[in-house]
C-alpha atoms as a PDB file:
ATOM      1  CA  MET A   1      65.006 -94.365 -11.639  1.00  0.00           C
ATOM      2  CA  ASN A   2      65.017 -94.654 -15.443  1.00  0.00           C
ATOM      3  CA  ASP A   3      62.051 -92.242 -15.440  1.00  0.00           C
ATOM      4  CA  PRO A   4      62.525 -89.994 -12.401  1.00  0.00           C
ATOM      5  CA  LEU A   5      60.433 -87.009 -11.412  1.00  0.00           C
ATOM      6  CA  ILE A   6      62.752 -84.000 -11.431  1.00  0.00           C
ATOM      7  CA  ILE A   7      61.811 -80.969  -9.358  1.00  0.00           C
ATOM      8  CA  ALA A   8      64.230 -78.069  -8.921  1.00  0.00           C
ATOM      9  CA  GLY A   9      67.071 -80.268 -10.131  1.00  0.00           C
ATOM     10  CA  GLN A  10      66.400 -83.063  -7.622  1.00  0.00           C
ATOM     11  CA  GLU A  11      65.393 -86.555  -8.769  1.00  0.00           C
ATOM     12  CA  TYR A  12      62.617 -88.560  -7.100  1.00  0.00           C
ATOM     13  CA  ARG A  13      61.648 -92.119  -7.960  1.00  0.00           C
ATOM     14  CA  SER A  14      58.037 -91.643  -6.796  1.00  0.00           C
ATOM     15  CA  ARG A  15      55.589 -89.426  -8.669  1.00  0.00           C
ATOM     16  CA  LEU A  16      53.088 -89.567  -5.824  1.00  0.00           C
ATOM     17  CA  LEU A  17      53.246 -86.795  -3.217  1.00  0.00           C
ATOM     18  CA  VAL A  18      51.222 -87.251  -0.054  1.00  0.00           C
ATOM     19  CA  GLY A  19      49.852 -84.902   2.595  1.00  0.00           C
ATOM     20  CA  THR A  20      50.131 -85.508   6.324  1.00  0.00           C
ATOM     21  CA  GLY A  21      46.799 -84.170   7.612  1.00  0.00           C
ATOM     22  CA  LYS A  22      43.503 -85.824   8.635  1.00  0.00           C
ATOM     23  CA  TYR A  23      44.987 -89.124   9.856  1.00  0.00           C
ATOM     24  CA  LYS A  24      43.945 -90.387  13.287  1.00  0.00           C
ATOM     25  CA  ASP A  25      47.488 -90.084  14.645  1.00  0.00           C
ATOM     26  CA  PHE A  26      51.118 -89.807  13.568  1.00  0.00           C
ATOM     27  CA  ALA A  27      51.514 -93.611  13.638  1.00  0.00           C
ATOM     28  CA  GLN A  28      48.828 -94.048  10.971  1.00  0.00           C
ATOM     29  CA  THR A  29      50.314 -91.128   9.046  1.00  0.00           C
ATOM     30  CA  ARG A  30      53.643 -92.896   8.821  1.00  0.00           C
ATOM     31  CA  GLU A  31      52.142 -96.282   7.940  1.00  0.00           C
ATOM     32  CA  ALA A  32      50.090 -94.839   5.077  1.00  0.00           C
ATOM     33  CA  ILE A  33      52.914 -92.748   3.664  1.00  0.00           C
ATOM     34  CA  VAL A  34      55.332 -95.656   3.738  1.00  0.00           C
ATOM     35  CA  ALA A  35      52.715 -97.766   1.920  1.00  0.00           C
ATOM     36  CA  SER A  36      52.320 -95.035  -0.701  1.00  0.00           C
ATOM     37  CA  GLY A  37      56.007 -95.050  -1.561  1.00  0.00           C
ATOM     38  CA  ALA A  38      55.977 -91.235  -1.499  1.00  0.00           C
ATOM     39  CA  GLN A  39      59.266 -89.450  -0.949  1.00  0.00           C
ATOM     40  CA  ILE A  40      57.844 -85.924  -0.763  1.00  0.00           C
ATOM     41  CA  VAL A  41      55.373 -85.209   2.039  1.00  0.00           C
ATOM     42  CA  THR A  42      53.450 -81.988   2.496  1.00  0.00           C
ATOM     43  CA  VAL A  43      52.842 -80.421   5.885  1.00  0.00           C
ATOM     44  CA  ALA A  44      50.525 -77.549   6.779  1.00  0.00           C
ATOM     45  CA  ILE A  45      52.700 -75.260   8.886  1.00  0.00           C
ATOM     46  CA  ARG A  46      49.668 -73.638  10.514  1.00  0.00           C
ATOM     47  CA  ARG A  47      48.119 -76.945  11.560  1.00  0.00           C
ATOM     48  CA  THR A  48      50.896 -79.449  12.204  1.00  0.00           C
ATOM     49  CA  ASN A  49      53.606 -79.312  14.836  1.00  0.00           C
ATOM     50  CA  ILE A  50      57.122 -79.540  13.420  1.00  0.00           C
ATOM     51  CA  GLY A  51      58.781 -77.819  16.333  1.00  0.00           C
ATOM     52  CA  GLN A  52      56.534 -74.803  16.904  1.00  0.00           C
ATOM     53  CA  ASP A  53      55.380 -76.446  20.173  1.00  0.00           C
ATOM     54  CA  PRO A  54      58.280 -78.253  21.865  1.00  0.00           C
ATOM     55  CA  ASN A  55      55.879 -79.806  24.399  1.00  0.00           C
ATOM     56  CA  ALA A  56      53.668 -81.566  21.827  1.00  0.00           C
ATOM     57  CA  PRO A  57      54.309 -84.585  19.583  1.00  0.00           C
ATOM     58  CA  SER A  58      56.117 -83.568  16.402  1.00  0.00           C
ATOM     59  CA  LEU A  59      55.616 -84.891  12.885  1.00  0.00           C
ATOM     60  CA  LEU A  60      59.399 -84.806  12.550  1.00  0.00           C
ATOM     61  CA  ASP A  61      59.606 -87.792  14.893  1.00  0.00           C
ATOM     62  CA  ALA A  62      57.165 -89.890  12.839  1.00  0.00           C
ATOM     63  CA  LEU A  63      58.545 -88.815   9.451  1.00  0.00           C
ATOM     64  CA  PRO A  64      62.207 -87.854   9.917  1.00  0.00           C
ATOM     65  CA  PRO A  65      63.567 -85.412   7.305  1.00  0.00           C
ATOM     66  CA  SER A  66      66.393 -87.899   6.789  1.00  0.00           C
ATOM     67  CA  GLU A  67      63.817 -90.272   5.229  1.00  0.00           C
ATOM     68  CA  PHE A  68      61.432 -87.866   3.495  1.00  0.00           C
ATOM     69  CA  THR A  69      61.594 -84.561   1.662  1.00  0.00           C
ATOM     70  CA  TYR A  70      59.363 -82.087   3.442  1.00  0.00           C
ATOM     71  CA  LEU A  71      57.150 -79.764   1.429  1.00  0.00           C
ATOM     72  CA  PRO A  72      55.824 -77.147   3.862  1.00  0.00           C
ATOM     73  CA  ASN A  73      52.608 -75.577   2.605  1.00  0.00           C
ATOM     74  CA  THR A  74      50.502 -72.534   3.337  1.00  0.00           C
ATOM     75  CA  ALA A  75      47.139 -74.231   3.873  1.00  0.00           C
ATOM     76  CA  GLY A  76      44.816 -71.847   5.652  1.00  0.00           C
ATOM     77  CA  CYS A  77      46.364 -68.678   4.197  1.00  0.00           C
ATOM     78  CA  TYR A  78      44.093 -66.204   2.424  1.00  0.00           C
ATOM     79  CA  THR A  79      46.552 -63.417   1.588  1.00  0.00           C
ATOM     80  CA  ALA A  80      49.953 -63.247  -0.035  1.00  0.00           C
ATOM     81  CA  GLU A  81      51.343 -61.650   3.119  1.00  0.00           C
ATOM     82  CA  ASP A  82      50.208 -64.539   5.353  1.00  0.00           C
ATOM     83  CA  ALA A  83      51.558 -67.128   2.910  1.00  0.00           C
ATOM     84  CA  VAL A  84      54.976 -65.500   2.688  1.00  0.00           C
ATOM     85  CA  ARG A  85      55.200 -65.141   6.474  1.00  0.00           C
ATOM     86  CA  THR A  86      54.233 -68.797   6.964  1.00  0.00           C
ATOM     87  CA  LEU A  87      56.876 -70.116   4.580  1.00  0.00           C
ATOM     88  CA  ARG A  88      59.565 -67.930   6.086  1.00  0.00           C
ATOM     89  CA  LEU A  89      58.712 -69.530   9.433  1.00  0.00           C
ATOM     90  CA  ALA A  90      58.908 -72.979   7.820  1.00  0.00           C
ATOM     91  CA  ARG A  91      62.355 -72.197   6.478  1.00  0.00           C
ATOM     92  CA  GLU A  92      63.515 -71.349   9.991  1.00  0.00           C
ATOM     93  CA  LEU A  93      61.967 -74.476  11.522  1.00  0.00           C
ATOM     94  CA  LEU A  94      63.475 -76.734   8.844  1.00  0.00           C
ATOM     95  CA  ASP A  95      67.004 -75.308   8.901  1.00  0.00           C
ATOM     96  CA  GLY A  96      66.897 -73.250   5.711  1.00  0.00           C
ATOM     97  CA  HIS A  97      64.663 -75.590   3.687  1.00  0.00           C
ATOM     98  CA  GLU A  98      63.753 -73.916   0.369  1.00  0.00           C
ATOM     99  CA  LEU A  99      61.338 -76.297  -1.415  1.00  0.00           C
ATOM    100  CA  VAL A 100      57.797 -75.167  -0.526  1.00  0.00           C
ATOM    101  CA  LYS A 101      54.208 -75.435  -1.654  1.00  0.00           C
ATOM    102  CA  LEU A 102      52.359 -72.161  -2.053  1.00  0.00           C
ATOM    103  CA  GLU A 103      48.604 -71.996  -1.809  1.00  0.00           C
ATOM    104  CA  VAL A 104      46.591 -68.842  -1.223  1.00  0.00           C
ATOM    105  CA  LEU A 105      42.904 -69.581  -0.824  1.00  0.00           C
ATOM    106  CA  GLY A 106      39.999 -67.465  -1.998  1.00  0.00           C
ATOM    107  CA  ASP A 107      37.364 -68.473   0.558  1.00  0.00           C
ATOM    108  CA  PRO A 108      36.850 -71.093   3.291  1.00  0.00           C
ATOM    109  CA  ASP A 109      33.906 -72.777   1.544  1.00  0.00           C
ATOM    110  CA  THR A 110      35.399 -73.790  -1.800  1.00  0.00           C
ATOM    111  CA  LEU A 111      39.121 -73.452  -0.952  1.00  0.00           C
ATOM    112  CA  PHE A 112      39.529 -72.320  -4.550  1.00  0.00           C
ATOM    113  CA  PRO A 113      42.835 -70.511  -5.152  1.00  0.00           C
ATOM    114  CA  ASN A 114      42.949 -66.725  -5.066  1.00  0.00           C
ATOM    115  CA  MET A 115      45.063 -66.254  -8.158  1.00  0.00           C
ATOM    116  CA  PRO A 116      45.950 -62.529  -7.830  1.00  0.00           C
ATOM    117  CA  GLU A 117      47.269 -63.160  -4.302  1.00  0.00           C
ATOM    118  CA  THR A 118      48.954 -66.378  -5.430  1.00  0.00           C
ATOM    119  CA  LEU A 119      50.835 -64.548  -8.181  1.00  0.00           C
ATOM    120  CA  LYS A 120      51.865 -61.810  -5.753  1.00  0.00           C
ATOM    121  CA  ALA A 121      53.139 -64.308  -3.165  1.00  0.00           C
ATOM    122  CA  ALA A 122      54.978 -66.326  -5.811  1.00  0.00           C
ATOM    123  CA  GLU A 123      56.910 -63.254  -6.944  1.00  0.00           C
ATOM    124  CA  THR A 124      58.027 -62.489  -3.390  1.00  0.00           C
ATOM    125  CA  LEU A 125      58.972 -66.067  -2.540  1.00  0.00           C
ATOM    126  CA  VAL A 126      60.973 -66.643  -5.717  1.00  0.00           C
ATOM    127  CA  ARG A 127      62.778 -63.369  -5.116  1.00  0.00           C
ATOM    128  CA  ASP A 128      63.559 -64.571  -1.572  1.00  0.00           C
ATOM    129  CA  GLY A 129      65.207 -67.732  -2.889  1.00  0.00           C
ATOM    130  CA  PHE A 130      62.407 -70.234  -2.312  1.00  0.00           C
ATOM    131  CA  LYS A 131      61.785 -73.080  -4.751  1.00  0.00           C
ATOM    132  CA  VAL A 132      58.063 -72.715  -5.190  1.00  0.00           C
ATOM    133  CA  MET A 133      55.611 -75.436  -6.140  1.00  0.00           C
ATOM    134  CA  VAL A 134      52.288 -73.676  -6.550  1.00  0.00           C
ATOM    135  CA  TYR A 135      48.643 -74.699  -6.181  1.00  0.00           C
ATOM    136  CA  CYS A 136      46.598 -72.888  -8.807  1.00  0.00           C
ATOM    137  CA  ALA A 137      43.451 -72.827 -10.874  1.00  0.00           C
ATOM    138  CA  ASP A 138      43.337 -74.986 -14.006  1.00  0.00           C
ATOM    139  CA  ASP A 139      43.855 -71.865 -16.111  1.00  0.00           C
ATOM    140  CA  PRO A 140      46.567 -72.276 -18.784  1.00  0.00           C
ATOM    141  CA  ILE A 141      47.279 -68.534 -18.926  1.00  0.00           C
ATOM    142  CA  GLN A 142      47.806 -68.087 -15.207  1.00  0.00           C
ATOM    143  CA  ALA A 143      49.757 -71.341 -15.025  1.00  0.00           C
ATOM    144  CA  HIS A 144      52.110 -69.917 -17.644  1.00  0.00           C
ATOM    145  CA  MET A 145      52.415 -66.687 -15.672  1.00  0.00           C
ATOM    146  CA  LEU A 146      53.475 -68.641 -12.572  1.00  0.00           C
ATOM    147  CA  GLU A 147      56.088 -70.483 -14.604  1.00  0.00           C
ATOM    148  CA  GLU A 148      57.405 -67.191 -15.956  1.00  0.00           C
ATOM    149  CA  ILE A 149      57.728 -65.876 -12.396  1.00  0.00           C
ATOM    150  CA  GLY A 150      60.038 -68.802 -11.667  1.00  0.00           C
ATOM    151  CA  CYS A 151      57.942 -71.453  -9.909  1.00  0.00           C
ATOM    152  CA  VAL A 152      59.568 -74.891 -10.110  1.00  0.00           C
ATOM    153  CA  ALA A 153      56.287 -76.815 -10.464  1.00  0.00           C
ATOM    154  CA  ILE A 154      52.717 -75.954 -11.406  1.00  0.00           C
ATOM    155  CA  MET A 155      49.952 -77.706  -9.460  1.00  0.00           C
ATOM    156  CA  PRO A 156      46.462 -77.122 -10.904  1.00  0.00           C
ATOM    157  CA  LEU A 157      43.465 -78.495  -9.056  1.00  0.00           C
ATOM    158  CA  ALA A 158      41.497 -81.382 -10.553  1.00  0.00           C
ATOM    159  CA  SER A 159      38.465 -80.335  -8.503  1.00  0.00           C
ATOM    160  CA  LEU A 160      37.915 -78.693  -5.121  1.00  0.00           C
ATOM    161  CA  ILE A 161      40.224 -79.631  -2.239  1.00  0.00           C
ATOM    162  CA  GLY A 162      38.874 -82.607  -0.324  1.00  0.00           C
ATOM    163  CA  SER A 163      35.908 -83.071  -2.672  1.00  0.00           C
ATOM    164  CA  GLY A 164      36.963 -86.402  -4.176  1.00  0.00           C
ATOM    165  CA  MET A 165      35.238 -85.370  -7.408  1.00  0.00           C
ATOM    166  CA  GLY A 166      38.154 -86.376  -9.620  1.00  0.00           C
ATOM    167  CA  ILE A 167      39.276 -84.580 -12.772  1.00  0.00           C
ATOM    168  CA  LEU A 168      36.452 -82.311 -13.921  1.00  0.00           C
ATOM    169  CA  ASN A 169      38.257 -80.512 -16.742  1.00  0.00           C
ATOM    170  CA  PRO A 170      40.831 -82.772 -18.428  1.00  0.00           C
ATOM    171  CA  TRP A 171      41.063 -80.429 -21.410  1.00  0.00           C
ATOM    172  CA  ASN A 172      42.466 -77.553 -19.376  1.00  0.00           C
ATOM    173  CA  LEU A 173      44.920 -79.862 -17.637  1.00  0.00           C
ATOM    174  CA  LYS A 174      46.089 -81.111 -21.026  1.00  0.00           C
ATOM    175  CA  LEU A 175      46.638 -77.535 -22.221  1.00  0.00           C
ATOM    176  CA  ILE A 176      48.709 -76.745 -19.129  1.00  0.00           C
ATOM    177  CA  VAL A 177      50.788 -79.905 -19.554  1.00  0.00           C
ATOM    178  CA  GLU A 178      51.467 -79.244 -23.238  1.00  0.00           C
ATOM    179  CA  GLN A 179      52.722 -75.684 -22.701  1.00  0.00           C
ATOM    180  CA  ALA A 180      54.674 -76.184 -19.468  1.00  0.00           C
ATOM    181  CA  ARG A 181      58.453 -76.470 -19.254  1.00  0.00           C
ATOM    182  CA  VAL A 182      58.347 -77.353 -15.553  1.00  0.00           C
ATOM    183  CA  PRO A 183      56.621 -80.321 -13.914  1.00  0.00           C
ATOM    184  CA  VAL A 184      52.820 -80.237 -13.732  1.00  0.00           C
ATOM    185  CA  LEU A 185      51.221 -82.109 -10.841  1.00  0.00           C
ATOM    186  CA  VAL A 186      47.522 -82.498 -10.161  1.00  0.00           C
ATOM    187  CA  ASP A 187      46.740 -81.135  -6.718  1.00  0.00           C
ATOM    188  CA  ALA A 188      43.320 -81.479  -5.073  1.00  0.00           C
ATOM    189  CA  GLY A 189      40.183 -83.389  -5.929  1.00  0.00           C
ATOM    190  CA  VAL A 190      41.513 -86.915  -6.408  1.00  0.00           C
ATOM    191  CA  GLY A 191      39.096 -89.386  -4.828  1.00  0.00           C
ATOM    192  CA  THR A 192      40.261 -92.841  -5.824  1.00  0.00           C
ATOM    193  CA  ALA A 193      42.941 -94.687  -7.742  1.00  0.00           C
ATOM    194  CA  SER A 194      41.370 -94.260 -11.176  1.00  0.00           C
ATOM    195  CA  ASP A 195      41.505 -90.466 -10.771  1.00  0.00           C
ATOM    196  CA  ALA A 196      45.253 -90.652 -10.164  1.00  0.00           C
ATOM    197  CA  ALA A 197      45.735 -92.931 -13.166  1.00  0.00           C
ATOM    198  CA  ILE A 198      43.781 -90.573 -15.442  1.00  0.00           C
ATOM    199  CA  ALA A 199      45.881 -87.603 -14.321  1.00  0.00           C
ATOM    200  CA  MET A 200      49.038 -89.473 -15.217  1.00  0.00           C
ATOM    201  CA  GLU A 201      47.609 -90.685 -18.541  1.00  0.00           C
ATOM    202  CA  LEU A 202      46.956 -87.036 -19.452  1.00  0.00           C
ATOM    203  CA  GLY A 203      50.687 -86.425 -19.155  1.00  0.00           C
ATOM    204  CA  CYS A 204      50.887 -84.907 -15.686  1.00  0.00           C
ATOM    205  CA  ASP A 205      54.257 -85.421 -14.040  1.00  0.00           C
ATOM    206  CA  GLY A 206      52.810 -86.401 -10.676  1.00  0.00           C
ATOM    207  CA  VAL A 207      49.867 -86.272  -8.301  1.00  0.00           C
ATOM    208  CA  LEU A 208      49.582 -84.752  -4.838  1.00  0.00           C
ATOM    209  CA  MET A 209      46.838 -85.979  -2.535  1.00  0.00           C
ATOM    210  CA  ASN A 210      45.846 -86.154   1.107  1.00  0.00           C
ATOM    211  CA  THR A 211      42.137 -86.633   1.789  1.00  0.00           C
ATOM    212  CA  ALA A 212      41.694 -89.499  -0.689  1.00  0.00           C
ATOM    213  CA  ILE A 213      44.094 -91.586   1.389  1.00  0.00           C
ATOM    214  CA  ALA A 214      43.550 -90.233   4.895  1.00  0.00           C
ATOM    215  CA  LEU A 215      39.742 -90.501   4.830  1.00  0.00           C
ATOM    216  CA  ALA A 216      39.549 -93.869   3.047  1.00  0.00           C
ATOM    217  CA  GLN A 217      38.072 -96.655   5.150  1.00  0.00           C
ATOM    218  CA  ASP A 218      41.518 -98.277   5.036  1.00  0.00           C
ATOM    219  CA  PRO A 219      44.075 -95.502   4.499  1.00  0.00           C
ATOM    220  CA  VAL A 220      47.062 -97.841   4.280  1.00  0.00           C
ATOM    221  CA  LEU A 221      45.440-100.053   1.653  1.00  0.00           C
ATOM    222  CA  MET A 222      44.343 -96.974  -0.320  1.00  0.00           C
ATOM    223  CA  ALA A 223      47.870 -95.574  -0.163  1.00  0.00           C
ATOM    224  CA  GLY A 224      49.183 -98.709  -1.846  1.00  0.00           C
ATOM    225  CA  ALA A 225      46.441 -98.514  -4.466  1.00  0.00           C
ATOM    226  CA  MET A 226      47.373 -94.912  -5.245  1.00  0.00           C
ATOM    227  CA  GLN A 227      51.015 -95.859  -5.675  1.00  0.00           C
ATOM    228  CA  LYS A 228      50.079 -98.522  -8.225  1.00  0.00           C
ATOM    229  CA  ALA A 229      47.672 -96.184 -10.044  1.00  0.00           C
ATOM    230  CA  VAL A 230      50.290 -93.469 -10.494  1.00  0.00           C
ATOM    231  CA  VAL A 231      52.806 -95.983 -11.846  1.00  0.00           C
ATOM    232  CA  ALA A 232      50.236 -97.545 -14.203  1.00  0.00           C
ATOM    233  CA  GLY A 233      49.062 -94.170 -15.477  1.00  0.00           C
ATOM    234  CA  ARG A 234      52.597 -93.011 -16.136  1.00  0.00           C
ATOM    235  CA  GLU A 235      53.481 -96.201 -18.011  1.00  0.00           C
ATOM    236  CA  ALA A 236      50.296 -95.944 -20.100  1.00  0.00           C
ATOM    237  CA  TYR A 237      51.175 -92.341 -20.993  1.00  0.00           C
ATOM    238  CA  ARG A 238      54.709 -93.307 -22.010  1.00  0.00           C
ATOM    239  CA  ALA A 239      53.450 -96.301 -23.997  1.00  0.00           C
ATOM    240  CA  GLY A 240      51.014 -94.183 -26.025  1.00  0.00           C
ATOM    241  CA  ARG A 241      47.425 -95.344 -26.163  1.00  0.00           C
ATOM    242  CA  MET A 242      45.825 -96.662 -29.314  1.00  0.00           C
ATOM    243  CA  PRO A 243      43.747 -94.130 -31.314  1.00  0.00           C
ATOM    244  CA  LYS A 244      40.045 -93.999 -30.599  1.00  0.00           C
ATOM    245  CA  LYS A 245      37.877 -95.252 -33.476  1.00  0.00           C
ATOM    246  CA  PHE A 246      34.303 -94.100 -33.299  1.00  0.00           C
ATOM    247  CA  TYR A 247      31.512 -96.151 -34.895  1.00  0.00           C
ATOM    248  CA  SER A 248      33.822 -98.959 -36.021  1.00  0.00           C
ATOM    249  CA  ALA A 249      35.355-102.030 -34.483  1.00  0.00           C
ATOM    250  CA  SER A 250      38.709-103.680 -35.049  1.00  0.00           C
ATOM    251  CA  PRO A 251      39.037-107.408 -34.271  1.00  0.00           C
ATOM    252  CA  SER A 252      41.853-108.402 -31.939  1.00  0.00           C
ATOM    253  CA  SER A 253      42.736-111.401 -34.091  1.00  0.00           C
ATOM    254  CA  PRO A 254      43.888-111.206 -37.742  1.00  0.00           C
ATOM    255  CA  THR A 255      41.203-111.654 -40.384  1.00  0.00           C
ATOM    256  CA  SER A 256      43.490-113.280 -42.959  1.00  0.00           C
ATOM    257  CA  GLY A 257      45.152-116.664 -42.812  1.00  0.00           C
ATOM    258  CA  LEU A 258      42.386-118.202 -40.701  1.00  0.00           C
ATOM    259  CA  ILE A 259      42.624-121.893 -39.791  1.00  0.00           C
ATOM    260  CA  GLY A 260      40.597-124.002 -42.225  1.00  0.00           C
ATOM    261  CA  ARG A 261      40.765-121.439 -45.040  1.00  0.00           C
END
């Protein structure tokens, strides 16, 4: 905890946030998330039962809120109105829970964020007392606007949700990180451990992922790999990498005082 992730005043030892969808069952969901070391888990209120259906298995039984911090999200919402309504329902189901993930999608093919609707929903939710972590485009200007509204974390996509394409525009992410005064977490597009490490090396405060773990051939093993990658990337960022030297080499061993000279 000498380098905790701080979101809305709360400290977390893990900088990896994990989704709860696409696993074969709740048992595998729990096993993978435990292996990841994640403390914050996201749940799609429109797709996952957390009490909406008392006659069906509930995620709350597999991942008790006493063990994990829930981050209800608005996956599947395409308007600000739907997103706000969904998170108000989540607050009721989770006994007044205020930390939420906002995402308002532009279309069902790319799942790219609809930024005008996202900004509108963020204003309403912050005014209603929610602590909003927000999925957004990798646009430094709009990221700054969301921070000014009062969002507690900015979550730009690395590439399209579920694509596994990795970080396609590191320069924009770097701009967002350098200007932000709240945590910046990469959300969407991570495909493997190296993607997570690169995000952290860029200075991101954390990484949120779901598909990269859930659809791996061995989700539990991949979850452990992601945990290690996030830690390694963060330590590399804090250590400060050596400068790049183009067109010249630098020997690892000293060139003076050689044996035999």
